[in-house]
N, C-alpha and C. Protein backbone atom coordinates (compact mmCIF):
# COMPACT_ATOMS: atom_id res chain seq x y z
N UNK A 1 191.76 101.68 125.89
CA UNK A 1 191.04 102.60 126.76
C UNK A 1 191.80 102.69 128.08
N UNK A 2 191.92 103.90 128.56
CA UNK A 2 192.62 104.12 129.82
C UNK A 2 191.77 103.59 130.98
N UNK A 3 192.44 103.07 131.97
CA UNK A 3 191.75 102.46 133.11
C UNK A 3 190.77 103.42 133.78
N UNK A 4 191.16 104.68 133.94
CA UNK A 4 190.31 105.65 134.62
C UNK A 4 189.05 106.00 133.81
N UNK A 5 189.04 105.65 132.51
CA UNK A 5 187.89 105.99 131.65
C UNK A 5 186.90 104.84 131.49
N UNK A 6 187.28 103.65 131.88
CA UNK A 6 186.43 102.47 131.64
C UNK A 6 185.04 102.62 132.25
N UNK A 7 184.95 103.08 133.47
CA UNK A 7 183.65 103.21 134.13
C UNK A 7 182.73 104.14 133.34
N UNK A 8 183.26 105.27 132.88
CA UNK A 8 182.45 106.23 132.12
C UNK A 8 181.96 105.61 130.82
N UNK A 9 182.86 105.02 130.03
CA UNK A 9 182.48 104.51 128.72
C UNK A 9 181.55 103.31 128.79
N UNK A 10 181.48 102.65 129.93
CA UNK A 10 180.54 101.54 130.11
C UNK A 10 179.24 101.99 130.77
N UNK A 11 179.15 103.27 131.11
CA UNK A 11 177.98 103.77 131.83
C UNK A 11 176.75 103.88 130.92
N UNK A 12 175.60 103.74 131.53
CA UNK A 12 174.34 103.88 130.80
C UNK A 12 174.21 105.30 130.25
N UNK A 13 174.64 106.30 131.04
CA UNK A 13 174.54 107.70 130.60
C UNK A 13 175.32 107.92 129.31
N UNK A 14 176.56 107.39 129.23
CA UNK A 14 177.36 107.57 128.01
C UNK A 14 176.74 106.81 126.84
N UNK A 15 176.33 105.58 127.06
CA UNK A 15 175.76 104.78 125.96
C UNK A 15 174.52 105.47 125.39
N UNK A 16 173.65 105.99 126.26
CA UNK A 16 172.45 106.68 125.78
C UNK A 16 172.81 107.97 125.05
N UNK A 17 173.74 108.72 125.58
CA UNK A 17 174.17 109.97 124.95
C UNK A 17 174.77 109.68 123.58
N UNK A 18 175.68 108.72 123.53
CA UNK A 18 176.35 108.34 122.29
C UNK A 18 175.35 107.88 121.23
N UNK A 19 174.45 107.02 121.61
CA UNK A 19 173.48 106.48 120.66
C UNK A 19 172.53 107.57 120.14
N UNK A 20 172.10 108.45 121.02
CA UNK A 20 171.21 109.54 120.60
C UNK A 20 171.95 110.51 119.68
N UNK A 21 173.19 110.81 119.99
CA UNK A 21 173.96 111.73 119.15
C UNK A 21 174.19 111.10 117.77
N UNK A 22 174.53 109.82 117.74
CA UNK A 22 174.74 109.10 116.49
C UNK A 22 173.49 109.19 115.61
N UNK A 23 172.33 108.94 116.20
CA UNK A 23 171.07 109.00 115.44
C UNK A 23 170.79 110.43 114.97
N UNK A 24 171.05 111.42 115.82
CA UNK A 24 170.82 112.81 115.47
C UNK A 24 171.65 113.24 114.26
N UNK A 25 172.84 112.68 114.14
CA UNK A 25 173.74 113.00 113.02
C UNK A 25 173.53 112.06 111.85
N UNK A 26 172.48 111.27 111.89
CA UNK A 26 172.09 110.34 110.82
C UNK A 26 173.20 109.34 110.49
N UNK A 27 174.05 109.08 111.45
CA UNK A 27 175.10 108.07 111.27
C UNK A 27 176.20 108.45 110.31
N UNK A 28 176.32 109.74 109.99
CA UNK A 28 177.32 110.18 109.01
C UNK A 28 178.43 110.98 109.67
N UNK A 29 179.65 110.72 109.23
CA UNK A 29 180.82 111.44 109.72
C UNK A 29 180.62 112.94 109.47
N UNK A 30 180.87 113.73 110.47
CA UNK A 30 180.68 115.17 110.35
C UNK A 30 181.77 115.86 109.55
N UNK A 31 182.83 115.15 109.22
CA UNK A 31 183.91 115.75 108.44
C UNK A 31 183.88 115.35 106.97
N UNK A 32 183.55 114.09 106.70
CA UNK A 32 183.64 113.63 105.30
C UNK A 32 182.37 112.98 104.79
N UNK A 33 181.35 112.83 105.62
CA UNK A 33 180.05 112.23 105.28
C UNK A 33 180.09 110.73 105.02
N UNK A 34 181.20 110.08 105.33
CA UNK A 34 181.26 108.61 105.28
C UNK A 34 180.43 108.06 106.46
N UNK A 35 180.14 106.77 106.46
CA UNK A 35 179.44 106.22 107.61
C UNK A 35 180.23 106.47 108.90
N UNK A 36 179.56 107.05 109.88
CA UNK A 36 180.20 107.35 111.15
C UNK A 36 180.39 106.10 111.98
N UNK A 37 181.38 106.15 112.85
CA UNK A 37 181.65 105.00 113.70
C UNK A 37 181.89 105.38 115.16
N UNK A 38 182.51 106.53 115.40
CA UNK A 38 182.95 106.90 116.75
C UNK A 38 182.41 108.27 117.12
N UNK A 39 181.77 108.35 118.27
CA UNK A 39 181.38 109.65 118.80
C UNK A 39 182.58 110.15 119.60
N UNK A 40 183.20 111.17 119.03
CA UNK A 40 184.48 111.70 119.52
C UNK A 40 184.24 112.90 120.44
N UNK A 41 185.01 112.99 121.51
CA UNK A 41 184.97 114.16 122.39
C UNK A 41 185.93 115.21 121.85
N UNK A 42 185.42 116.37 121.52
CA UNK A 42 186.27 117.47 121.02
C UNK A 42 187.20 117.97 122.12
N UNK A 43 186.72 117.95 123.35
CA UNK A 43 187.57 118.25 124.50
C UNK A 43 188.02 116.90 125.04
N UNK A 44 189.30 116.65 124.99
CA UNK A 44 189.80 115.36 125.44
C UNK A 44 189.45 115.15 126.90
N UNK A 45 188.97 113.95 127.18
CA UNK A 45 188.60 113.64 128.54
C UNK A 45 189.84 113.30 129.36
N UNK A 46 189.81 113.75 130.60
CA UNK A 46 190.89 113.53 131.55
C UNK A 46 190.29 113.01 132.85
N UNK A 47 191.11 112.51 133.76
CA UNK A 47 190.56 112.10 135.06
C UNK A 47 189.86 113.26 135.78
N UNK A 48 190.27 114.49 135.47
CA UNK A 48 189.69 115.65 136.14
C UNK A 48 188.33 116.05 135.56
N UNK A 49 188.07 115.81 134.26
CA UNK A 49 186.82 116.30 133.68
C UNK A 49 185.85 115.21 133.24
N UNK A 50 186.25 113.96 133.31
CA UNK A 50 185.40 112.89 132.77
C UNK A 50 184.07 112.76 133.51
N UNK A 51 184.03 113.13 134.77
CA UNK A 51 182.78 113.02 135.54
C UNK A 51 181.97 114.31 135.52
N UNK A 52 182.37 115.26 134.70
CA UNK A 52 181.62 116.51 134.54
C UNK A 52 180.73 116.37 133.31
N UNK A 53 179.43 116.15 133.49
CA UNK A 53 178.54 115.94 132.34
C UNK A 53 178.47 117.14 131.41
N UNK A 54 178.82 118.32 131.90
CA UNK A 54 178.86 119.50 131.02
C UNK A 54 179.97 119.38 129.98
N UNK A 55 180.89 118.50 130.20
CA UNK A 55 181.96 118.24 129.23
C UNK A 55 181.77 116.88 128.57
N UNK A 56 181.64 115.84 129.38
CA UNK A 56 181.64 114.48 128.83
C UNK A 56 180.35 114.08 128.12
N UNK A 57 179.23 114.71 128.46
CA UNK A 57 177.95 114.35 127.85
C UNK A 57 177.31 115.50 127.08
N UNK A 58 178.03 116.57 126.90
CA UNK A 58 177.52 117.77 126.24
C UNK A 58 177.67 117.64 124.72
N UNK A 59 176.56 117.69 124.01
CA UNK A 59 176.59 117.53 122.56
C UNK A 59 177.43 118.60 121.86
N UNK A 60 177.60 119.75 122.47
CA UNK A 60 178.44 120.78 121.86
C UNK A 60 179.89 120.32 121.72
N UNK A 61 180.28 119.38 122.56
CA UNK A 61 181.66 118.91 122.57
C UNK A 61 181.81 117.52 121.97
N UNK A 62 180.79 117.07 121.24
CA UNK A 62 180.84 115.76 120.58
C UNK A 62 180.89 115.95 119.07
N UNK A 63 181.41 114.93 118.40
CA UNK A 63 181.50 114.94 116.95
C UNK A 63 181.48 113.48 116.48
N UNK A 64 180.61 113.16 115.54
CA UNK A 64 180.56 111.82 114.98
C UNK A 64 181.59 111.71 113.87
N UNK A 65 182.49 110.75 113.99
CA UNK A 65 183.56 110.59 113.01
C UNK A 65 183.60 109.17 112.48
N UNK A 66 184.03 109.02 111.23
CA UNK A 66 184.33 107.70 110.69
C UNK A 66 185.68 107.28 111.27
N UNK A 67 186.06 106.04 111.06
CA UNK A 67 187.33 105.55 111.60
C UNK A 67 188.52 106.34 111.05
N UNK A 68 188.50 106.63 109.74
CA UNK A 68 189.63 107.36 109.15
C UNK A 68 189.78 108.76 109.74
N UNK A 69 188.69 109.49 109.86
CA UNK A 69 188.77 110.85 110.42
C UNK A 69 189.16 110.81 111.89
N UNK A 70 188.70 109.81 112.61
CA UNK A 70 189.09 109.69 114.02
C UNK A 70 190.58 109.39 114.12
N UNK A 71 191.09 108.52 113.25
CA UNK A 71 192.52 108.23 113.26
C UNK A 71 193.33 109.48 112.94
N UNK A 72 192.87 110.26 111.97
CA UNK A 72 193.57 111.50 111.63
C UNK A 72 193.58 112.45 112.82
N UNK A 73 192.46 112.54 113.52
CA UNK A 73 192.36 113.42 114.68
C UNK A 73 193.37 113.05 115.76
N UNK A 74 193.53 111.76 115.98
CA UNK A 74 194.39 111.33 117.09
C UNK A 74 195.82 111.02 116.70
N UNK A 75 196.08 110.79 115.42
CA UNK A 75 197.43 110.36 115.06
C UNK A 75 198.16 111.30 114.12
N UNK A 76 197.51 111.73 113.07
CA UNK A 76 198.22 112.54 112.07
C UNK A 76 198.62 113.90 112.60
N UNK A 77 197.84 114.47 113.53
CA UNK A 77 198.18 115.78 114.08
C UNK A 77 199.56 115.76 114.71
N UNK A 78 199.93 114.63 115.25
CA UNK A 78 201.15 114.56 116.03
C UNK A 78 202.27 113.84 115.30
N UNK A 79 202.04 113.50 114.04
CA UNK A 79 203.09 112.80 113.30
C UNK A 79 203.83 113.71 112.33
N UNK A 80 203.45 114.98 112.29
CA UNK A 80 204.14 115.91 111.40
C UNK A 80 205.56 116.12 111.91
N UNK A 81 206.51 116.17 110.99
CA UNK A 81 207.89 116.39 111.36
C UNK A 81 208.09 117.84 111.76
N UNK A 82 208.75 118.03 112.90
CA UNK A 82 209.04 119.37 113.39
C UNK A 82 210.54 119.58 113.31
N UNK A 83 210.92 120.74 112.83
CA UNK A 83 212.34 121.06 112.70
C UNK A 83 212.76 122.17 113.66
N UNK A 84 211.81 122.72 114.41
CA UNK A 84 212.13 123.81 115.32
C UNK A 84 212.43 123.31 116.74
N UNK A 85 212.27 122.01 116.97
CA UNK A 85 212.55 121.43 118.27
C UNK A 85 213.38 120.16 118.11
N UNK A 86 214.01 119.77 119.20
CA UNK A 86 214.80 118.53 119.20
C UNK A 86 214.85 118.01 120.63
N UNK A 87 215.37 116.81 120.82
CA UNK A 87 215.54 116.26 122.15
C UNK A 87 216.96 116.51 122.61
N UNK A 88 217.13 116.92 123.87
CA UNK A 88 218.47 117.12 124.41
C UNK A 88 219.01 115.80 124.94
N UNK A 89 220.18 115.84 125.56
CA UNK A 89 220.84 114.62 126.04
C UNK A 89 220.06 113.93 127.15
N UNK A 90 219.13 114.64 127.81
CA UNK A 90 218.29 114.05 128.86
C UNK A 90 216.96 113.53 128.32
N UNK A 91 216.73 113.71 127.02
CA UNK A 91 215.47 113.28 126.43
C UNK A 91 214.37 114.31 126.54
N UNK A 92 214.73 115.53 126.95
CA UNK A 92 213.74 116.61 127.06
C UNK A 92 213.61 117.34 125.73
N UNK A 93 212.40 117.79 125.42
CA UNK A 93 212.15 118.53 124.19
C UNK A 93 212.61 119.97 124.38
N UNK A 94 213.48 120.43 123.49
CA UNK A 94 214.01 121.79 123.56
C UNK A 94 213.99 122.40 122.17
N UNK A 95 214.10 123.74 122.11
CA UNK A 95 214.18 124.41 120.81
C UNK A 95 215.50 124.06 120.15
N UNK A 96 215.45 123.86 118.84
CA UNK A 96 216.66 123.61 118.06
C UNK A 96 217.34 124.95 117.82
N UNK A 97 218.61 125.06 118.19
CA UNK A 97 219.36 126.30 118.03
C UNK A 97 220.64 126.03 117.28
N UNK A 98 220.85 126.55 116.13
CA UNK A 98 219.84 127.18 115.29
C UNK A 98 218.88 126.13 114.75
N UNK A 99 217.69 126.55 114.33
CA UNK A 99 216.73 125.58 113.82
C UNK A 99 217.31 124.75 112.69
N UNK A 100 216.98 123.48 112.68
CA UNK A 100 217.44 122.56 111.64
C UNK A 100 216.36 122.50 110.57
N UNK A 101 216.74 122.62 109.31
CA UNK A 101 215.77 122.55 108.23
C UNK A 101 215.41 121.09 107.96
N UNK A 102 214.43 120.88 107.13
CA UNK A 102 214.04 119.52 106.77
C UNK A 102 215.13 118.80 106.00
N UNK A 103 216.13 119.53 105.53
CA UNK A 103 217.21 118.93 104.77
C UNK A 103 218.44 118.72 105.64
N UNK A 104 218.29 118.95 106.96
CA UNK A 104 219.37 118.71 107.89
C UNK A 104 220.39 119.85 107.95
N UNK A 105 220.08 120.97 107.33
CA UNK A 105 221.00 122.10 107.32
C UNK A 105 220.49 123.17 108.28
N UNK A 106 221.40 123.88 108.91
CA UNK A 106 220.98 124.96 109.78
C UNK A 106 220.71 126.18 108.94
N UNK A 107 219.94 127.05 109.47
CA UNK A 107 219.63 128.18 108.64
C UNK A 107 219.08 129.25 109.41
């Protein structure tokens, strides 16, 4: 957990919101119907929006997920191999010119 988020996630307001949402969804993952574990924020919380209850405590922006679906949400989205971009000599992400195929050939 990020340091700036600790106060929010330990707050009574979040615990009550999370617990009520969990019960409302009958404890089931909204994606696969497995037992839910994590009340996920659809809008990622940032230092700028975490104290805005219209975002951080709004049920429209919450989703009950099981551990597997939560892991997919946060990890698999960003683990797909991309062939249209590459890192330059400074470590910056740039477009691959010409694009490199998954087989290492230009095309």
